[in-house]
Amino acid sequence: MRKSTLIISVILTAALLYALYSFVSTYKKAVQATVPATAIPATALPGTTLPATVSAEVTQELPTVAATEVSVAGKITIYEAAAMAVKVLGQKNLYLVENSQFNGTDAYLATFASGDILYISLDGQVLSASKGPAVKISQPKSHYNK
């Protein structure tokens, strides 16, 4: 091996080691600069409480129930709409329940894996049910198997 090739290899290796060292030292500084774990309040899950050291540092009360789970008088939650859709159609292959519009009114749209669609009003009444198109899936014939 020539002397110039060896020198270039040593220079490239040194540059790579320096870049690695600077990356690791920057990462360590960033980790040390973060806020200690006791100063960060845990996310409030329903039915859980915060430790005394954390709750003393929290200045505002954390919500314990998500807004989509709160049932207002006369309105059902999206989970209740899903249970109702499964019960009404008698199918357990529920794919998706989402907020939607049906004839200008707010409703839940329940879609099943079979393609069936069910609209449920926010007060729990079935607005519409439609059967999805039958889909036939077939494998194309191979030109090798004749």
N, C-alpha and C. Protein backbone atom coordinates (compact mmCIF):
# COMPACT_ATOMS: atom_id res chain seq x y z
N MET A 1 0.83 -1.15 0.00
CA MET A 1 0.00 0.00 0.00
C MET A 1 0.90 1.25 0.00
N ARG A 2 0.48 2.21 -0.78
CA ARG A 2 1.29 3.42 -0.86
C ARG A 2 1.09 4.29 0.36
N LYS A 3 2.07 5.16 0.58
CA LYS A 3 2.06 6.03 1.74
C LYS A 3 0.90 7.03 1.68
N SER A 4 0.55 7.55 0.52
CA SER A 4 -0.54 8.53 0.37
C SER A 4 -1.89 7.88 0.69
N THR A 5 -2.08 6.65 0.31
CA THR A 5 -3.33 5.94 0.60
C THR A 5 -3.48 5.73 2.11
N LEU A 6 -2.40 5.41 2.77
CA LEU A 6 -2.42 5.22 4.21
C LEU A 6 -2.75 6.52 4.94
N ILE A 7 -2.19 7.62 4.48
CA ILE A 7 -2.44 8.92 5.10
C ILE A 7 -3.90 9.33 4.93
N ILE A 8 -4.44 9.12 3.74
CA ILE A 8 -5.85 9.45 3.49
C ILE A 8 -6.76 8.59 4.38
N SER A 9 -6.44 7.34 4.53
CA SER A 9 -7.22 6.44 5.38
C SER A 9 -7.20 6.89 6.84
N VAL A 10 -6.02 7.31 7.35
CA VAL A 10 -5.91 7.78 8.72
C VAL A 10 -6.71 9.07 8.90
N ILE A 11 -6.66 9.98 7.94
CA ILE A 11 -7.40 11.24 8.04
C ILE A 11 -8.91 10.99 8.05
N LEU A 12 -9.39 10.11 7.18
CA LEU A 12 -10.82 9.80 7.12
C LEU A 12 -11.28 9.11 8.41
N THR A 13 -10.48 8.22 8.94
CA THR A 13 -10.82 7.55 10.19
C THR A 13 -10.89 8.54 11.34
N ALA A 14 -9.95 9.46 11.41
CA ALA A 14 -9.94 10.47 12.46
C ALA A 14 -11.16 11.38 12.35
N ALA A 15 -11.53 11.76 11.13
CA ALA A 15 -12.70 12.62 10.94
C ALA A 15 -13.97 11.90 11.36
N LEU A 16 -14.06 10.62 11.06
CA LEU A 16 -15.22 9.84 11.44
C LEU A 16 -15.31 9.68 12.96
N LEU A 17 -14.20 9.44 13.60
CA LEU A 17 -14.18 9.33 15.06
C LEU A 17 -14.56 10.65 15.73
N TYR A 18 -14.09 11.77 15.18
CA TYR A 18 -14.45 13.07 15.72
C TYR A 18 -15.96 13.33 15.57
N ALA A 19 -16.51 12.99 14.41
CA ALA A 19 -17.95 13.19 14.19
C ALA A 19 -18.76 12.33 15.16
N LEU A 20 -18.34 11.10 15.38
CA LEU A 20 -19.02 10.21 16.31
C LEU A 20 -18.94 10.75 17.74
N TYR A 21 -17.77 11.24 18.15
CA TYR A 21 -17.59 11.80 19.48
C TYR A 21 -18.49 13.03 19.68
N SER A 22 -18.55 13.91 18.68
CA SER A 22 -19.37 15.11 18.82
C SER A 22 -20.86 14.76 18.88
N PHE A 23 -21.27 13.75 18.14
CA PHE A 23 -22.67 13.31 18.17
C PHE A 23 -23.03 12.76 19.55
N VAL A 24 -22.18 11.91 20.09
CA VAL A 24 -22.45 11.29 21.40
C VAL A 24 -22.45 12.35 22.50
N SER A 25 -21.51 13.28 22.48
CA SER A 25 -21.47 14.31 23.52
C SER A 25 -22.68 15.23 23.42
N THR A 26 -23.12 15.56 22.24
CA THR A 26 -24.32 16.39 22.06
C THR A 26 -25.55 15.66 22.57
N TYR A 27 -25.63 14.37 22.29
CA TYR A 27 -26.77 13.57 22.76
C TYR A 27 -26.80 13.52 24.28
N LYS A 28 -25.64 13.33 24.91
CA LYS A 28 -25.59 13.28 26.37
C LYS A 28 -26.02 14.62 26.98
N LYS A 29 -25.60 15.72 26.38
CA LYS A 29 -25.99 17.04 26.89
C LYS A 29 -27.49 17.24 26.75
N ALA A 30 -28.06 16.78 25.66
CA ALA A 30 -29.50 16.92 25.45
C ALA A 30 -30.29 16.08 26.44
N VAL A 31 -29.80 14.91 26.75
CA VAL A 31 -30.50 14.05 27.71
C VAL A 31 -30.40 14.63 29.11
N GLN A 32 -29.25 15.19 29.47
CA GLN A 32 -29.08 15.76 30.80
C GLN A 32 -29.86 17.06 30.97
N ALA A 33 -30.13 17.75 29.86
CA ALA A 33 -30.83 19.03 29.93
C ALA A 33 -32.34 18.86 30.04
N THR A 34 -32.85 17.65 29.88
CA THR A 34 -34.29 17.45 29.96
C THR A 34 -34.77 17.59 31.39
N VAL A 35 -36.06 17.81 31.54
CA VAL A 35 -36.67 17.99 32.85
C VAL A 35 -36.70 16.64 33.57
N PRO A 36 -36.44 16.61 34.86
CA PRO A 36 -36.51 15.34 35.60
C PRO A 36 -37.90 14.72 35.52
N ALA A 37 -37.97 13.41 35.66
CA ALA A 37 -39.22 12.69 35.49
C ALA A 37 -40.27 13.07 36.53
N THR A 38 -39.85 13.50 37.71
CA THR A 38 -40.83 13.86 38.74
C THR A 38 -41.53 15.17 38.44
N ALA A 39 -40.96 16.00 37.58
CA ALA A 39 -41.57 17.29 37.26
C ALA A 39 -42.59 17.15 36.13
N ILE A 40 -42.61 16.04 35.44
CA ILE A 40 -43.54 15.83 34.34
C ILE A 40 -44.73 15.05 34.86
N PRO A 41 -45.94 15.62 34.80
CA PRO A 41 -47.10 14.88 35.30
C PRO A 41 -47.43 13.71 34.38
N ALA A 42 -47.79 12.60 34.97
CA ALA A 42 -48.20 11.44 34.19
C ALA A 42 -49.53 11.76 33.53
N THR A 43 -49.79 11.16 32.38
CA THR A 43 -51.06 11.41 31.72
C THR A 43 -52.16 10.81 32.57
N ALA A 44 -53.20 11.55 32.76
CA ALA A 44 -54.29 11.11 33.63
C ALA A 44 -55.18 10.14 32.88
N LEU A 45 -55.08 8.90 33.25
CA LEU A 45 -55.95 7.89 32.68
C LEU A 45 -57.16 7.73 33.59
N PRO A 46 -58.30 7.36 33.05
CA PRO A 46 -59.47 7.19 33.90
C PRO A 46 -59.20 6.16 35.00
N GLY A 47 -59.49 6.54 36.23
CA GLY A 47 -59.34 5.64 37.36
C GLY A 47 -57.95 5.60 37.96
N THR A 48 -57.04 6.49 37.52
CA THR A 48 -55.69 6.50 38.09
C THR A 48 -55.48 7.78 38.87
N THR A 49 -54.54 7.74 39.79
CA THR A 49 -54.18 8.93 40.55
C THR A 49 -52.71 9.21 40.35
N LEU A 50 -52.33 10.45 40.54
CA LEU A 50 -50.94 10.85 40.39
C LEU A 50 -50.21 10.68 41.72
N PRO A 51 -48.91 10.38 41.70
CA PRO A 51 -48.15 10.32 42.95
C PRO A 51 -48.14 11.69 43.63
N ALA A 52 -47.91 11.69 44.95
CA ALA A 52 -47.97 12.94 45.72
C ALA A 52 -46.93 13.94 45.25
N THR A 53 -45.73 13.47 44.86
CA THR A 53 -44.69 14.40 44.43
C THR A 53 -45.07 15.07 43.12
N VAL A 54 -45.76 14.36 42.27
CA VAL A 54 -46.15 14.94 40.99
C VAL A 54 -47.39 15.79 41.15
N SER A 55 -48.38 15.32 41.92
CA SER A 55 -49.62 16.08 42.03
C SER A 55 -49.41 17.41 42.75
N ALA A 56 -48.38 17.52 43.59
CA ALA A 56 -48.11 18.78 44.26
C ALA A 56 -47.60 19.83 43.27
N GLU A 57 -46.98 19.39 42.19
CA GLU A 57 -46.42 20.32 41.21
C GLU A 57 -47.42 20.70 40.13
N VAL A 58 -48.53 19.98 40.02
CA VAL A 58 -49.53 20.26 39.00
C VAL A 58 -50.39 21.42 39.49
N THR A 59 -50.51 22.44 38.67
CA THR A 59 -51.27 23.62 39.10
C THR A 59 -52.72 23.55 38.67
N GLN A 60 -53.03 22.78 37.68
CA GLN A 60 -54.41 22.66 37.24
C GLN A 60 -54.83 21.20 37.31
N GLU A 61 -56.13 20.98 37.45
CA GLU A 61 -56.64 19.63 37.56
C GLU A 61 -56.67 19.01 36.17
N LEU A 62 -56.17 17.78 36.05
CA LEU A 62 -56.13 17.09 34.78
C LEU A 62 -57.45 16.38 34.54
N PRO A 63 -57.95 16.38 33.30
CA PRO A 63 -59.20 15.66 33.03
C PRO A 63 -58.95 14.16 33.12
N THR A 64 -59.96 13.46 33.61
CA THR A 64 -59.82 12.01 33.75
C THR A 64 -60.62 11.25 32.71
N VAL A 65 -61.49 11.91 31.97
CA VAL A 65 -62.30 11.24 30.96
C VAL A 65 -62.20 12.04 29.67
N ALA A 66 -61.98 11.34 28.57
CA ALA A 66 -61.89 12.01 27.27
C ALA A 66 -63.25 12.58 26.89
N ALA A 67 -63.25 13.61 26.06
CA ALA A 67 -64.49 14.28 25.68
C ALA A 67 -65.41 13.37 24.88
N THR A 68 -64.87 12.42 24.13
CA THR A 68 -65.71 11.53 23.32
C THR A 68 -66.41 10.49 24.17
N GLU A 69 -65.97 10.29 25.43
CA GLU A 69 -66.59 9.29 26.27
C GLU A 69 -67.69 9.85 27.16
N VAL A 70 -67.87 11.14 27.17
CA VAL A 70 -68.87 11.76 28.03
C VAL A 70 -70.22 11.65 27.34
N SER A 71 -71.18 11.11 28.05
CA SER A 71 -72.52 10.95 27.50
C SER A 71 -73.40 12.09 27.99
N VAL A 72 -73.90 12.90 27.07
CA VAL A 72 -74.78 14.00 27.39
C VAL A 72 -76.21 13.47 27.34
N ALA A 73 -77.08 14.06 28.09
CA ALA A 73 -78.47 13.60 28.13
C ALA A 73 -79.06 13.58 26.73
N GLY A 74 -79.55 12.42 26.31
CA GLY A 74 -80.15 12.29 24.99
C GLY A 74 -79.17 11.99 23.89
N LYS A 75 -77.89 11.94 24.20
CA LYS A 75 -76.89 11.64 23.18
C LYS A 75 -76.12 10.40 23.59
N ILE A 76 -75.75 9.61 22.61
CA ILE A 76 -74.98 8.40 22.87
C ILE A 76 -73.54 8.62 22.43
N THR A 77 -72.64 7.84 23.01
CA THR A 77 -71.23 7.94 22.64
C THR A 77 -70.98 7.10 21.40
N ILE A 78 -69.81 7.26 20.85
CA ILE A 78 -69.46 6.51 19.64
C ILE A 78 -69.34 5.01 19.96
N TYR A 79 -68.97 4.70 21.22
CA TYR A 79 -68.87 3.30 21.63
C TYR A 79 -70.25 2.67 21.75
N GLU A 80 -71.20 3.42 22.26
CA GLU A 80 -72.57 2.92 22.34
C GLU A 80 -73.16 2.75 20.95
N ALA A 81 -72.81 3.65 20.02
CA ALA A 81 -73.28 3.52 18.64
C ALA A 81 -72.70 2.26 17.99
N ALA A 82 -71.44 1.96 18.30
CA ALA A 82 -70.83 0.74 17.76
C ALA A 82 -71.53 -0.50 18.29
N ALA A 83 -71.82 -0.52 19.59
CA ALA A 83 -72.52 -1.66 20.18
C ALA A 83 -73.91 -1.80 19.60
N MET A 84 -74.59 -0.68 19.37
CA MET A 84 -75.92 -0.71 18.80
C MET A 84 -75.89 -1.22 17.36
N ALA A 85 -74.90 -0.81 16.59
CA ALA A 85 -74.80 -1.26 15.20
C ALA A 85 -74.59 -2.77 15.13
N VAL A 86 -73.75 -3.29 16.00
CA VAL A 86 -73.51 -4.74 16.03
C VAL A 86 -74.78 -5.46 16.42
N LYS A 87 -75.52 -4.90 17.36
CA LYS A 87 -76.75 -5.54 17.83
C LYS A 87 -77.85 -5.49 16.77
N VAL A 88 -77.97 -4.36 16.07
CA VAL A 88 -79.03 -4.20 15.08
C VAL A 88 -78.83 -5.13 13.88
N LEU A 89 -77.62 -5.16 13.35
CA LEU A 89 -77.37 -5.99 12.18
C LEU A 89 -77.02 -7.44 12.52
N GLY A 90 -76.67 -7.69 13.76
CA GLY A 90 -76.35 -9.05 14.16
C GLY A 90 -75.03 -9.54 13.59
N GLN A 91 -74.17 -8.63 13.20
CA GLN A 91 -72.86 -8.98 12.67
C GLN A 91 -71.79 -8.52 13.64
N LYS A 92 -70.71 -9.27 13.72
CA LYS A 92 -69.62 -8.90 14.62
C LYS A 92 -68.40 -8.39 13.86
N ASN A 93 -68.51 -8.20 12.56
CA ASN A 93 -67.37 -7.76 11.76
C ASN A 93 -67.40 -6.25 11.54
N LEU A 94 -67.60 -5.49 12.62
CA LEU A 94 -67.63 -4.03 12.54
C LEU A 94 -66.24 -3.52 12.18
N TYR A 95 -66.18 -2.69 11.15
CA TYR A 95 -64.89 -2.19 10.66
C TYR A 95 -64.58 -0.81 11.20
N LEU A 96 -65.57 0.10 11.16
CA LEU A 96 -65.30 1.49 11.50
C LEU A 96 -66.59 2.18 11.94
N VAL A 97 -66.49 3.02 12.97
CA VAL A 97 -67.58 3.90 13.36
C VAL A 97 -67.01 5.31 13.40
N GLU A 98 -67.67 6.23 12.72
CA GLU A 98 -67.16 7.60 12.64
C GLU A 98 -68.31 8.59 12.67
N ASN A 99 -67.98 9.85 12.96
CA ASN A 99 -68.97 10.92 12.90
C ASN A 99 -69.24 11.25 11.45
N SER A 100 -70.51 11.50 11.13
CA SER A 100 -70.87 11.76 9.75
C SER A 100 -72.12 12.63 9.72
N GLN A 101 -72.58 12.93 8.52
CA GLN A 101 -73.81 13.67 8.30
C GLN A 101 -74.78 12.78 7.54
N PHE A 102 -76.05 12.78 7.94
CA PHE A 102 -77.09 12.05 7.22
C PHE A 102 -78.25 13.00 7.02
N ASN A 103 -78.50 13.38 5.79
CA ASN A 103 -79.56 14.33 5.44
C ASN A 103 -79.47 15.62 6.25
N GLY A 104 -78.26 16.11 6.44
CA GLY A 104 -78.04 17.38 7.13
C GLY A 104 -78.01 17.31 8.64
N THR A 105 -78.15 16.12 9.22
CA THR A 105 -78.09 15.99 10.68
C THR A 105 -76.86 15.18 11.06
N ASP A 106 -76.35 15.46 12.24
CA ASP A 106 -75.18 14.72 12.73
C ASP A 106 -75.59 13.30 13.08
N ALA A 107 -74.72 12.36 12.73
CA ALA A 107 -75.00 10.95 13.00
C ALA A 107 -73.68 10.19 13.04
N TYR A 108 -73.78 8.96 13.51
CA TYR A 108 -72.63 8.05 13.48
C TYR A 108 -72.80 7.14 12.28
N LEU A 109 -71.71 6.93 11.55
CA LEU A 109 -71.71 6.03 10.40
C LEU A 109 -70.94 4.78 10.80
N ALA A 110 -71.64 3.64 10.84
CA ALA A 110 -71.01 2.36 11.18
C ALA A 110 -70.83 1.58 9.89
N THR A 111 -69.60 1.21 9.60
CA THR A 111 -69.28 0.46 8.40
C THR A 111 -68.79 -0.92 8.81
N PHE A 112 -69.32 -1.94 8.18
CA PHE A 112 -68.94 -3.31 8.47
C PHE A 112 -67.99 -3.82 7.40
N ALA A 113 -67.24 -4.86 7.72
CA ALA A 113 -66.28 -5.42 6.77
C ALA A 113 -66.99 -6.02 5.56
N SER A 114 -68.23 -6.41 5.73
CA SER A 114 -69.00 -6.97 4.62
C SER A 114 -69.50 -5.90 3.66
N GLY A 115 -69.34 -4.62 4.03
CA GLY A 115 -69.77 -3.52 3.18
C GLY A 115 -71.09 -2.91 3.63
N ASP A 116 -71.74 -3.50 4.63
CA ASP A 116 -72.99 -2.96 5.14
C ASP A 116 -72.73 -1.64 5.85
N ILE A 117 -73.68 -0.70 5.70
CA ILE A 117 -73.55 0.64 6.27
C ILE A 117 -74.78 0.92 7.12
N LEU A 118 -74.57 1.51 8.29
CA LEU A 118 -75.66 1.83 9.20
C LEU A 118 -75.45 3.24 9.74
N TYR A 119 -76.47 4.09 9.62
CA TYR A 119 -76.43 5.43 10.19
C TYR A 119 -77.23 5.42 11.47
N ILE A 120 -76.63 5.92 12.56
CA ILE A 120 -77.29 5.99 13.86
C ILE A 120 -77.26 7.44 14.32
N SER A 121 -78.44 7.96 14.71
CA SER A 121 -78.50 9.35 15.16
C SER A 121 -77.84 9.48 16.52
N LEU A 122 -77.58 10.72 16.92
CA LEU A 122 -76.90 10.96 18.19
C LEU A 122 -77.78 10.62 19.39
N ASP A 123 -79.09 10.49 19.18
CA ASP A 123 -79.95 10.08 20.28
C ASP A 123 -80.25 8.58 20.28
N GLY A 124 -79.60 7.82 19.39
CA GLY A 124 -79.67 6.37 19.44
C GLY A 124 -80.67 5.72 18.51
N GLN A 125 -81.22 6.45 17.55
CA GLN A 125 -82.17 5.86 16.62
C GLN A 125 -81.47 5.50 15.32
N VAL A 126 -81.87 4.37 14.72
CA VAL A 126 -81.31 3.95 13.45
C VAL A 126 -81.95 4.79 12.35
N LEU A 127 -81.14 5.51 11.61
CA LEU A 127 -81.65 6.38 10.55
C LEU A 127 -81.73 5.66 9.21
N SER A 128 -80.72 4.86 8.91
CA SER A 128 -80.67 4.18 7.63
C SER A 128 -79.76 2.98 7.72
N ALA A 129 -80.13 1.95 6.98
CA ALA A 129 -79.28 0.76 6.86
C ALA A 129 -79.25 0.36 5.40
N SER A 130 -78.08 0.09 4.90
CA SER A 130 -77.97 -0.32 3.50
C SER A 130 -77.00 -1.48 3.38
N LYS A 131 -77.34 -2.38 2.50
CA LYS A 131 -76.51 -3.56 2.26
C LYS A 131 -75.44 -3.18 1.25
N GLY A 132 -74.22 -3.56 1.56
CA GLY A 132 -73.11 -3.28 0.66
C GLY A 132 -73.14 -4.20 -0.54
N PRO A 133 -72.49 -3.81 -1.60
CA PRO A 133 -72.47 -4.66 -2.79
C PRO A 133 -71.68 -5.94 -2.54
N ALA A 134 -72.16 -7.01 -3.11
CA ALA A 134 -71.45 -8.28 -2.98
C ALA A 134 -70.21 -8.24 -3.87
N VAL A 135 -69.10 -8.56 -3.30
CA VAL A 135 -67.84 -8.52 -4.02
C VAL A 135 -67.32 -9.93 -4.16
N LYS A 136 -67.05 -10.32 -5.38
CA LYS A 136 -66.51 -11.65 -5.62
C LYS A 136 -65.03 -11.48 -5.96
N ILE A 137 -64.21 -12.13 -5.19
CA ILE A 137 -62.78 -12.05 -5.41
C ILE A 137 -62.32 -13.37 -6.02
N SER A 138 -61.72 -13.28 -7.15
CA SER A 138 -61.22 -14.50 -7.79
C SER A 138 -59.77 -14.28 -8.21
N GLN A 139 -59.06 -15.37 -8.24
CA GLN A 139 -57.66 -15.30 -8.62
C GLN A 139 -57.56 -15.48 -10.13
N PRO A 140 -56.77 -14.63 -10.79
CA PRO A 140 -56.64 -14.78 -12.24
C PRO A 140 -55.94 -16.10 -12.58
N LYS A 141 -56.33 -16.61 -13.72
CA LYS A 141 -55.72 -17.87 -14.16
C LYS A 141 -54.28 -17.63 -14.58
N SER A 142 -53.48 -18.55 -14.23
CA SER A 142 -52.08 -18.44 -14.59
C SER A 142 -51.86 -19.02 -15.98
N HIS A 143 -51.02 -18.40 -16.76
CA HIS A 143 -50.73 -18.91 -18.10
C HIS A 143 -49.78 -20.09 -18.04
N TYR A 144 -49.23 -20.38 -16.86
CA TYR A 144 -48.33 -21.53 -16.72
C TYR A 144 -49.10 -22.83 -16.51
N ASN A 145 -50.29 -22.75 -15.90
CA ASN A 145 -51.08 -23.95 -15.63
C ASN A 145 -52.09 -24.15 -16.75
N LYS A 146 -51.74 -24.82 -17.78
CA LYS A 146 -52.67 -25.04 -18.91
C LYS A 146 -53.07 -26.47 -18.99
